[in-house]
Amino acid sequence: MGRADGNVGVASRKRVLSWPLLLGSVALGILLGVEEATMLKGLAEHVSNGLLYDDFLAYWNAANSVAASQSPYQWLVENQPGPEAFASVYVYPPLLAVLLAPLTQVLDYSTLRWAWLIFSVLCLVLGAALVWRISGLRLRDRNPLILVSCLALLPSATWALVLGQPSPQLLLVIAGISAALGARQPAMAGTFLAFGAYLKSFPVLLGGYLLLRRQWRGCLAAVAAGLLLVTLSLLVLGWEPHWTYLTRVVPAQRLWFGLPSEVSIMGFFTRLLVESPFDDPFTTPVVVAEAAAQVAIAFSVVALLVASSYTIWRARSDREGEAAAYALAVVATMLVSPISGAYNLVIALLPLAVAAAHVQAAWPRHQWWFFLALMLLSLPVFPFDLWPVLAYFPPVPGDLPPSQMGWGNLLASGPFFGLVVLWGLLVRLCLEPRPLPSSDGASR
């Protein structure tokens, strides 16, 4: 009788808890709807004006330079970049420019941009399907809100598509690494890792996961594939552009550490404590204290890496433990990367789905931390993402909006705090003992 009463009490508590979650989900849906409508409105304006480019323009310029037997970093020779040139300078490893170079000789800009958009959508769909397969999420009637939780990343996915960023491609690569490891194909995982690291350098940090989990074949494959890709670009470009990338392009990237869209530790403390190097700044700090910023960044990055490494090393060796450990490595990589824009949040689809699967299996345990991360990740980083609400309060011409000044920078930091909360939840999930099956077949 006591057991039956206990079951009734648990069921009643779950019903009570579901009401705040339902109301919160409605509020989240309204927020996402406003953000998505704003981004689609901007996309429609770009298309109507024939201006579908933004960040992809940098890839086009670099690929054209490669096709003309020049360095993809030709912009360094011509002028020092400023805020107005932000979208037209290529600051990535040379691989993407080398791969796009032949296409610039047979397609005009507009056609190639639309082809890239279609390719990005395809990568996004395939990446999401792969994440669903490896995360452990399943259709269940107990907590259907979990199934739509990943829609919180829809604005970041839309932003990545509008800008032409390779974030959907990176999502597919990062999901492919996890799928290959789950299929006991470490060599394929290492190859995917090398490709992702040479596409955009920050995925190289995922090599730490292979080391900590003693995936030696994967490590060797990553090194071999990386050397092969570098050899390919050396044959096409020669050694000088590679040296330029290491000695001039990488240091030049610090000019954009304080962008409002940055969701990394570097971006957060730079916005708060470092004065912009530009006359027309992206943000203004609370106080100029660059030494304090460097100390805070170094301490936070080292602490996060040490805690993440220990947790990944200690994580269980079963399927759920491996998935949680890899998801933790992905979030840690996004946080410690010097440059990680909000468009890269689409990569967080994998760790978010893994966390959702754990919460689903142990419902209602961890639900509040999960939904807090969900809400924070969905917050906008620019005030115009909340059109038409803030459209009635336009900033004075020449002035920064309040959300990019002083303590107002915290308004642009919701996704950063969402990643921190998600990281903490994944640490907890990695260190938990294996859940015992309950009488209804679920874990407890």
Protein backbone atom coordinates (compact mmCIF):
# COMPACT_ATOMS: atom_id res chain seq x y z
CA MET A 1 0.00 0.00 0.00
CA GLY A 2 2.86 2.36 0.91
CA ARG A 3 4.49 1.68 -2.43
CA ALA A 4 1.27 2.53 -4.28
CA ASP A 5 0.91 5.75 -2.29
CA GLY A 6 4.51 6.58 -3.10
CA ASN A 7 3.90 6.04 -6.80
CA VAL A 8 0.84 8.29 -6.65
CA GLY A 9 2.89 10.96 -4.87
CA VAL A 10 5.61 10.81 -7.48
CA ALA A 11 3.07 11.01 -10.29
CA SER A 12 1.38 13.97 -8.61
CA ARG A 13 4.72 15.75 -8.17
CA LYS A 14 5.55 15.21 -11.84
CA ARG A 15 2.20 16.74 -12.83
CA VAL A 16 2.85 19.76 -10.62
CA LEU A 17 6.33 20.19 -12.06
CA SER A 18 5.06 19.93 -15.62
CA TRP A 19 3.00 23.14 -15.32
CA PRO A 20 5.95 25.52 -14.85
CA LEU A 21 7.80 23.66 -17.60
CA LEU A 22 4.82 24.04 -19.91
CA LEU A 23 4.55 27.78 -19.20
CA GLY A 24 8.29 28.19 -19.62
CA SER A 25 8.13 26.33 -22.92
CA VAL A 26 5.38 28.65 -24.16
CA ALA A 27 7.52 31.69 -23.23
CA LEU A 28 10.51 30.09 -24.93
CA GLY A 29 8.44 29.43 -28.04
CA ILE A 30 7.35 33.09 -28.21
CA LEU A 31 10.96 34.24 -27.82
CA LEU A 32 12.19 31.88 -30.52
CA GLY A 33 9.35 32.93 -32.80
CA VAL A 34 10.27 36.61 -32.49
CA GLU A 35 13.98 35.89 -33.06
CA GLU A 36 13.32 33.67 -36.05
CA ALA A 37 10.89 36.17 -37.61
CA THR A 38 13.52 38.89 -37.26
CA MET A 39 16.24 36.81 -38.91
CA LEU A 40 13.98 35.72 -41.75
CA LYS A 41 12.96 39.34 -42.25
CA GLY A 42 16.63 40.27 -42.54
CA LEU A 43 17.24 37.42 -44.96
CA ALA A 44 14.33 38.56 -47.14
CA GLU A 45 15.76 42.09 -47.22
CA HIS A 46 19.18 40.74 -48.22
CA VAL A 47 17.69 38.66 -51.02
CA SER A 48 15.52 41.50 -52.32
CA ASN A 49 18.58 43.74 -52.47
CA GLY A 50 20.74 41.06 -54.07
CA LEU A 51 23.06 41.01 -51.03
CA LEU A 52 23.13 37.37 -49.97
CA TYR A 53 26.72 37.25 -48.79
CA ASP A 54 28.09 38.56 -45.47
CA ASP A 55 30.74 36.16 -44.12
CA PHE A 56 30.77 34.04 -47.26
CA LEU A 57 32.27 37.02 -49.08
CA ALA A 58 35.53 36.34 -47.20
CA TYR A 59 35.63 32.76 -48.51
CA TRP A 60 34.90 33.98 -52.04
CA ASN A 61 37.70 36.56 -51.91
CA ALA A 62 40.20 34.03 -50.53
CA ALA A 63 39.22 31.37 -53.08
CA ASN A 64 39.59 33.87 -55.92
CA SER A 65 43.05 34.76 -54.64
CA VAL A 66 44.03 31.08 -54.58
CA ALA A 67 42.68 30.62 -58.11
CA ALA A 68 44.87 33.57 -59.18
CA SER A 69 47.95 31.89 -57.61
CA GLN A 70 47.95 34.36 -54.72
CA SER A 71 47.76 33.94 -50.96
CA PRO A 72 44.27 33.61 -49.42
CA TYR A 73 45.50 36.21 -46.92
CA GLN A 74 46.08 38.88 -49.56
CA TRP A 75 44.07 41.33 -47.45
CA LEU A 76 47.03 41.56 -45.06
CA VAL A 77 49.14 42.96 -47.89
CA GLU A 78 46.54 45.46 -49.00
CA ASN A 79 45.34 46.98 -45.72
CA GLN A 80 44.91 46.44 -41.98
CA PRO A 81 41.31 45.33 -41.34
CA GLY A 82 38.84 47.48 -39.46
CA PRO A 83 35.23 46.96 -38.38
CA GLU A 84 33.92 47.85 -41.84
CA ALA A 85 36.04 45.07 -43.41
CA PHE A 86 35.10 42.43 -40.87
CA ALA A 87 32.99 40.32 -43.23
CA SER A 88 35.44 40.42 -46.14
CA VAL A 89 38.71 39.16 -44.60
CA TYR A 90 39.62 35.47 -44.48
CA VAL A 91 41.04 34.45 -41.08
CA TYR A 92 40.71 30.65 -41.25
CA PRO A 93 43.16 27.87 -42.17
CA PRO A 94 43.71 27.67 -45.95
CA LEU A 95 41.70 24.47 -46.58
CA LEU A 96 38.32 26.08 -47.29
CA ALA A 97 39.82 28.58 -49.74
CA VAL A 98 41.67 25.78 -51.55
CA LEU A 99 38.50 23.67 -51.85
CA LEU A 100 36.39 26.57 -53.15
CA ALA A 101 39.00 27.93 -55.57
CA PRO A 102 38.08 25.67 -58.55
CA LEU A 103 34.39 26.54 -58.15
CA THR A 104 35.04 30.28 -58.45
CA GLN A 105 36.29 29.67 -62.00
CA VAL A 106 33.05 28.06 -63.20
CA LEU A 107 30.39 29.77 -61.07
CA ASP A 108 29.64 33.43 -60.40
CA TYR A 109 29.32 34.71 -56.84
CA SER A 110 25.54 34.55 -56.61
CA THR A 111 25.32 30.99 -57.93
CA LEU A 112 28.08 29.73 -55.65
CA ARG A 113 26.51 31.46 -52.64
CA TRP A 114 23.18 29.74 -53.26
CA ALA A 115 24.94 26.42 -53.81
CA TRP A 116 26.75 26.89 -50.49
CA LEU A 117 23.42 27.66 -48.79
CA ILE A 118 21.86 24.46 -50.15
CA PHE A 119 24.93 22.45 -49.16
CA SER A 120 24.80 23.96 -45.65
CA VAL A 121 21.14 23.05 -45.24
CA LEU A 122 21.93 19.49 -46.33
CA CYS A 123 24.79 19.28 -43.80
CA LEU A 124 22.50 20.66 -41.10
CA VAL A 125 19.81 18.05 -41.80
CA LEU A 126 22.31 15.18 -41.96
CA GLY A 127 24.06 16.42 -38.82
CA ALA A 128 20.78 16.66 -36.91
CA ALA A 129 19.78 13.16 -38.04
CA LEU A 130 23.14 11.79 -36.92
CA VAL A 131 22.85 13.57 -33.57
CA TRP A 132 19.40 12.04 -33.05
CA ARG A 133 20.79 8.59 -33.74
CA ILE A 134 23.81 8.81 -31.43
CA SER A 135 22.30 10.84 -28.57
CA GLY A 136 19.88 8.18 -27.33
CA LEU A 137 16.81 10.42 -27.57
CA ARG A 138 13.61 8.46 -28.12
CA LEU A 139 9.94 9.24 -28.66
CA ARG A 140 8.28 8.97 -25.27
CA ASP A 141 4.97 10.22 -23.95
CA ARG A 142 6.23 10.95 -20.44
CA ASN A 143 8.09 14.14 -21.28
CA PRO A 144 7.51 15.22 -24.90
CA LEU A 145 8.97 18.69 -24.19
CA ILE A 146 12.42 17.11 -24.36
CA LEU A 147 11.86 16.24 -28.01
CA VAL A 148 11.47 19.87 -29.05
CA SER A 149 14.18 21.20 -26.75
CA CYS A 150 16.78 21.49 -29.48
CA LEU A 151 14.61 24.04 -31.30
CA ALA A 152 16.28 26.56 -28.96
CA LEU A 153 19.23 26.47 -31.37
CA LEU A 154 17.09 27.30 -34.41
CA PRO A 155 18.05 31.02 -34.41
CA SER A 156 21.75 30.18 -34.34
CA ALA A 157 21.26 27.72 -37.20
CA THR A 158 19.39 30.36 -39.19
CA TRP A 159 22.11 32.90 -38.48
CA ALA A 160 24.80 30.47 -39.63
CA LEU A 161 22.91 29.88 -42.89
CA VAL A 162 22.31 33.60 -43.50
CA LEU A 163 25.97 34.47 -42.88
CA GLY A 164 27.27 31.50 -44.83
CA GLN A 165 29.31 30.26 -41.88
CA PRO A 166 30.55 26.62 -42.07
CA SER A 167 28.93 25.79 -38.72
CA PRO A 168 26.50 23.25 -40.28
CA GLN A 169 29.47 21.50 -41.86
CA LEU A 170 31.25 21.44 -38.50
CA LEU A 171 28.14 20.00 -36.85
CA LEU A 172 28.20 17.14 -39.34
CA VAL A 173 31.94 16.60 -38.77
CA ILE A 174 31.65 16.66 -34.95
CA ALA A 175 28.65 14.32 -35.03
CA GLY A 176 30.57 12.09 -37.45
CA ILE A 177 33.43 11.79 -34.95
CA SER A 178 31.04 10.58 -32.26
CA ALA A 179 29.29 8.17 -34.63
CA ALA A 180 32.61 6.74 -35.81
CA LEU A 181 33.79 6.20 -32.23
CA GLY A 182 30.48 4.52 -31.37
CA ALA A 183 30.92 2.21 -34.38
CA ARG A 184 34.44 1.29 -33.22
CA GLN A 185 36.02 3.14 -36.16
CA PRO A 186 38.63 5.34 -34.43
CA ALA A 187 40.62 5.87 -37.63
CA MET A 188 37.58 7.40 -39.31
CA ALA A 189 36.96 9.55 -36.22
CA GLY A 190 40.54 10.83 -36.37
CA THR A 191 40.16 11.65 -40.07
CA PHE A 192 36.98 13.64 -39.37
CA LEU A 193 38.79 15.47 -36.56
CA ALA A 194 41.69 16.47 -38.81
CA PHE A 195 39.30 17.78 -41.47
CA GLY A 196 37.32 19.82 -38.93
CA ALA A 197 40.50 21.25 -37.38
CA TYR A 198 41.81 22.34 -40.79
CA LEU A 199 38.45 23.81 -41.72
CA LYS A 200 38.31 25.94 -38.56
CA SER A 201 41.11 25.52 -36.08
CA PHE A 202 39.21 25.23 -32.77
CA PRO A 203 37.99 21.59 -33.27
CA VAL A 204 41.62 20.52 -32.81
CA LEU A 205 40.91 20.71 -29.06
CA LEU A 206 38.72 17.62 -29.44
CA GLY A 207 41.96 15.71 -29.91
CA GLY A 208 42.25 15.94 -26.13
CA TYR A 209 39.17 13.73 -25.86
CA LEU A 210 40.86 11.01 -27.94
CA LEU A 211 43.93 11.19 -25.70
CA LEU A 212 42.00 11.12 -22.44
CA ARG A 213 39.87 8.18 -23.58
CA ARG A 214 42.99 6.38 -24.85
CA GLN A 215 41.84 6.26 -28.47
CA TRP A 216 45.37 5.83 -29.78
CA ARG A 217 44.38 4.74 -33.28
CA GLY A 218 42.15 7.76 -33.57
CA CYS A 219 45.01 10.04 -32.51
CA LEU A 220 47.37 8.51 -35.07
CA ALA A 221 44.74 8.78 -37.79
CA ALA A 222 44.13 12.45 -36.92
CA VAL A 223 47.86 13.22 -37.18
CA ALA A 224 48.21 11.32 -40.46
CA ALA A 225 45.12 12.91 -42.01
CA GLY A 226 46.22 16.35 -40.80
CA LEU A 227 49.65 15.95 -42.39
CA LEU A 228 47.99 14.84 -45.63
CA LEU A 229 45.74 17.93 -45.70
CA VAL A 230 48.65 20.25 -44.92
CA THR A 231 50.67 18.61 -47.70
CA LEU A 232 47.78 19.19 -50.11
CA SER A 233 47.55 22.88 -49.28
CA LEU A 234 51.34 23.21 -49.40
CA LEU A 235 51.37 21.81 -52.93
CA VAL A 236 48.70 24.31 -53.98
CA LEU A 237 49.86 27.41 -52.11
CA GLY A 238 53.47 26.91 -51.09
CA TRP A 239 54.81 27.42 -47.58
CA GLU A 240 54.55 31.23 -47.32
CA PRO A 241 50.74 31.52 -46.84
CA HIS A 242 50.92 28.90 -44.07
CA TRP A 243 53.64 30.86 -42.30
CA THR A 244 51.58 34.03 -42.78
CA TYR A 245 48.59 32.34 -41.18
CA LEU A 246 50.57 31.33 -38.09
CA THR A 247 52.55 34.56 -37.63
CA ARG A 248 50.16 37.28 -38.81
CA VAL A 249 46.59 36.02 -39.25
CA VAL A 250 46.28 34.27 -35.89
CA PRO A 251 47.57 37.32 -33.93
CA ALA A 252 45.27 39.61 -35.98
CA GLN A 253 42.21 37.64 -34.84
CA ARG A 254 42.41 39.28 -31.41
CA LEU A 255 40.93 42.42 -33.01
CA TRP A 256 37.53 40.73 -32.93
CA PHE A 257 37.63 38.98 -29.55
CA GLY A 258 35.10 41.42 -28.09
CA LEU A 259 32.30 40.98 -30.61
CA PRO A 260 28.84 40.86 -28.97
CA SER A 261 28.23 37.56 -30.75
CA GLU A 262 31.16 35.77 -29.06
CA VAL A 263 30.05 32.98 -26.70
CA SER A 264 33.51 32.01 -25.44
CA ILE A 265 35.34 32.84 -22.22
CA MET A 266 37.65 35.10 -24.20
CA GLY A 267 34.75 37.03 -25.69
CA PHE A 268 32.92 37.42 -22.37
CA PHE A 269 35.82 38.96 -20.41
CA THR A 270 37.01 41.01 -23.40
CA ARG A 271 33.62 42.69 -23.69
CA LEU A 272 33.56 43.49 -19.98
CA LEU A 273 37.15 44.62 -19.37
CA VAL A 274 39.06 45.40 -22.59
CA GLU A 275 38.84 48.57 -24.63
CA SER A 276 38.15 48.08 -28.34
CA PRO A 277 41.12 48.78 -30.66
CA PHE A 278 38.79 50.44 -33.19
CA ASP A 279 37.65 54.07 -33.30
CA ASP A 280 34.18 52.72 -34.06
CA PRO A 281 34.00 49.99 -31.39
CA PHE A 282 31.82 46.93 -31.32
CA THR A 283 31.24 47.29 -27.55
CA THR A 284 32.38 49.42 -24.63
CA PRO A 285 33.66 47.76 -21.43
CA VAL A 286 32.44 48.22 -17.87
CA VAL A 287 35.95 49.34 -16.93
CA VAL A 288 39.23 49.20 -18.82
CA ALA A 289 41.31 46.60 -16.96
CA GLU A 290 43.15 44.56 -19.57
CA ALA A 291 45.53 42.93 -17.06
CA ALA A 292 42.59 41.75 -14.95
CA ALA A 293 40.90 40.44 -18.10
CA GLN A 294 43.95 38.40 -19.07
CA VAL A 295 44.17 36.92 -15.55
CA ALA A 296 40.46 36.09 -15.54
CA ILE A 297 40.65 34.51 -18.99
CA ALA A 298 43.75 32.45 -18.16
CA PHE A 299 42.37 31.26 -14.82
CA SER A 300 38.94 30.38 -16.27
CA VAL A 301 40.36 28.54 -19.28
CA VAL A 302 42.86 26.54 -17.22
CA ALA A 303 40.26 25.69 -14.56
CA LEU A 304 37.73 24.60 -17.19
CA LEU A 305 40.28 22.50 -19.08
CA VAL A 306 41.52 20.79 -15.90
CA ALA A 307 37.99 20.05 -14.68
CA SER A 308 36.90 18.85 -18.12
CA SER A 309 39.96 16.63 -18.53
CA TYR A 310 39.45 14.99 -15.14
CA THR A 311 35.75 14.44 -15.82
CA ILE A 312 36.32 12.97 -19.31
CA TRP A 313 39.02 10.68 -17.92
CA ARG A 314 36.74 9.49 -15.09
CA ALA A 315 33.56 9.09 -17.17
CA ARG A 316 32.03 5.63 -17.41
CA SER A 317 33.01 3.38 -20.32
CA ASP A 318 29.46 2.43 -21.28
CA ARG A 319 27.56 4.02 -24.15
CA GLU A 320 25.94 6.73 -22.02
CA GLY A 321 29.18 7.64 -20.30
CA GLU A 322 31.10 7.90 -23.57
CA ALA A 323 28.38 10.07 -25.11
CA ALA A 324 28.31 12.42 -22.10
CA ALA A 325 32.12 12.68 -22.04
CA TYR A 326 32.30 13.57 -25.73
CA ALA A 327 29.45 16.08 -25.34
CA LEU A 328 31.38 17.68 -22.47
CA ALA A 329 34.47 17.92 -24.69
CA VAL A 330 32.45 19.70 -27.38
CA VAL A 331 31.07 22.29 -24.94
CA ALA A 332 34.51 22.84 -23.38
CA THR A 333 35.96 23.37 -26.86
CA MET A 334 33.38 26.05 -27.63
CA LEU A 335 34.03 27.83 -24.33
CA VAL A 336 37.85 27.92 -24.49
CA SER A 337 38.12 28.73 -28.20
CA PRO A 338 39.36 32.33 -28.58
CA ILE A 339 36.76 33.03 -31.27
CA SER A 340 33.41 31.24 -31.18
CA GLY A 341 30.44 33.22 -32.52
CA ALA A 342 26.82 32.54 -31.66
CA TYR A 343 26.42 30.97 -35.12
CA ASN A 344 28.58 28.12 -33.75
CA LEU A 345 25.88 27.34 -31.19
CA VAL A 346 24.41 25.02 -33.80
CA ILE A 347 27.29 22.68 -32.84
CA ALA A 348 25.83 22.58 -29.32
CA LEU A 349 22.99 20.51 -30.80
CA LEU A 350 25.00 17.37 -30.02
CA PRO A 351 25.74 18.06 -26.32
CA LEU A 352 22.24 19.44 -25.81
CA ALA A 353 20.68 16.30 -27.30
CA VAL A 354 22.92 14.05 -25.17
CA ALA A 355 21.91 15.97 -22.03
CA ALA A 356 18.25 15.78 -23.10
CA ALA A 357 18.51 11.99 -23.46
CA HIS A 358 19.91 11.69 -19.93
CA VAL A 359 17.20 13.95 -18.51
CA GLN A 360 14.56 12.01 -20.42
CA ALA A 361 15.78 8.70 -19.00
CA ALA A 362 15.97 10.01 -15.41
CA TRP A 363 12.95 12.32 -15.49
CA PRO A 364 12.41 14.55 -13.52
CA ARG A 365 16.01 14.58 -12.24
CA HIS A 366 18.17 17.43 -13.63
CA GLN A 367 15.21 18.91 -15.48
CA TRP A 368 15.59 22.44 -14.06
CA TRP A 369 19.28 22.70 -14.92
CA PHE A 370 18.53 21.44 -18.41
CA PHE A 371 15.74 23.94 -19.04
CA LEU A 372 17.84 26.77 -17.58
CA ALA A 373 20.58 25.97 -20.11
CA LEU A 374 17.92 25.76 -22.81
CA MET A 375 16.47 29.17 -21.99
CA LEU A 376 19.88 30.88 -21.80
CA LEU A 377 21.07 29.34 -25.09
CA SER A 378 18.01 30.70 -26.86
CA LEU A 379 18.57 34.33 -25.78
CA PRO A 380 19.66 36.77 -28.50
CA VAL A 381 23.10 38.37 -28.63
CA PHE A 382 22.03 41.45 -30.60
CA PRO A 383 19.18 43.81 -29.66
CA PHE A 384 17.78 43.77 -33.19
CA ASP A 385 17.12 40.04 -32.77
CA LEU A 386 14.09 41.08 -30.71
CA TRP A 387 12.41 43.09 -33.44
CA PRO A 388 9.74 44.42 -33.36
CA VAL A 389 9.93 44.87 -29.58
CA LEU A 390 13.13 46.94 -29.61
CA ALA A 391 12.44 48.46 -33.01
CA TYR A 392 10.48 51.15 -31.16
CA PHE A 393 13.60 52.14 -29.22
CA PRO A 394 16.28 52.71 -31.86
CA PRO A 395 19.73 53.87 -30.68
CA VAL A 396 20.95 57.39 -31.39
CA PRO A 397 22.92 57.38 -34.68
CA GLY A 398 26.61 56.84 -33.98
CA ASP A 399 25.96 55.42 -30.50
CA LEU A 400 26.05 51.81 -29.40
CA PRO A 401 22.79 50.26 -28.21
CA PRO A 402 22.53 49.87 -24.40
CA SER A 403 23.08 46.10 -24.65
CA GLN A 404 26.62 46.70 -25.95
CA MET A 405 27.72 49.24 -23.33
CA GLY A 406 29.18 48.54 -19.87
CA TRP A 407 27.07 46.18 -17.79
CA GLY A 408 24.66 46.04 -20.72
CA ASN A 409 27.14 43.59 -22.27
CA LEU A 410 25.66 41.00 -19.94
CA LEU A 411 22.48 41.20 -22.03
CA ALA A 412 24.46 39.74 -24.92
CA SER A 413 25.92 36.96 -22.78
CA GLY A 414 22.90 34.70 -22.31
CA PRO A 415 24.21 31.98 -24.69
CA PHE A 416 27.62 32.08 -22.97
CA PHE A 417 26.01 31.42 -19.59
CA GLY A 418 23.87 28.75 -21.26
CA LEU A 419 27.02 26.93 -22.38
CA VAL A 420 28.42 27.21 -18.83
CA VAL A 421 25.25 25.70 -17.35
CA LEU A 422 25.23 22.95 -19.99
CA TRP A 423 28.90 22.23 -19.22
CA GLY A 424 28.11 21.91 -15.50
CA LEU A 425 25.19 19.58 -16.21
CA LEU A 426 27.33 17.34 -18.41
CA VAL A 427 30.04 17.20 -15.72
CA ARG A 428 27.37 15.97 -13.30
CA LEU A 429 26.10 13.40 -15.79
CA CYS A 430 29.61 12.12 -16.52
CA LEU A 431 30.42 11.54 -12.85
CA GLU A 432 27.12 9.96 -11.88
CA PRO A 433 27.09 6.18 -11.34
CA ARG A 434 25.23 4.08 -13.87
CA PRO A 435 21.47 4.45 -13.21
CA LEU A 436 19.57 1.38 -12.07
CA PRO A 437 16.55 0.26 -14.11
CA SER A 438 13.21 0.83 -12.42
CA SER A 439 10.22 -1.48 -12.47
CA ASP A 440 8.72 0.29 -15.52
CA GLY A 441 11.89 -0.15 -17.57
CA ALA A 442 13.14 3.41 -17.18
CA SER A 443 16.31 4.39 -15.42
CA ARG A 444 16.34 5.88 -11.97
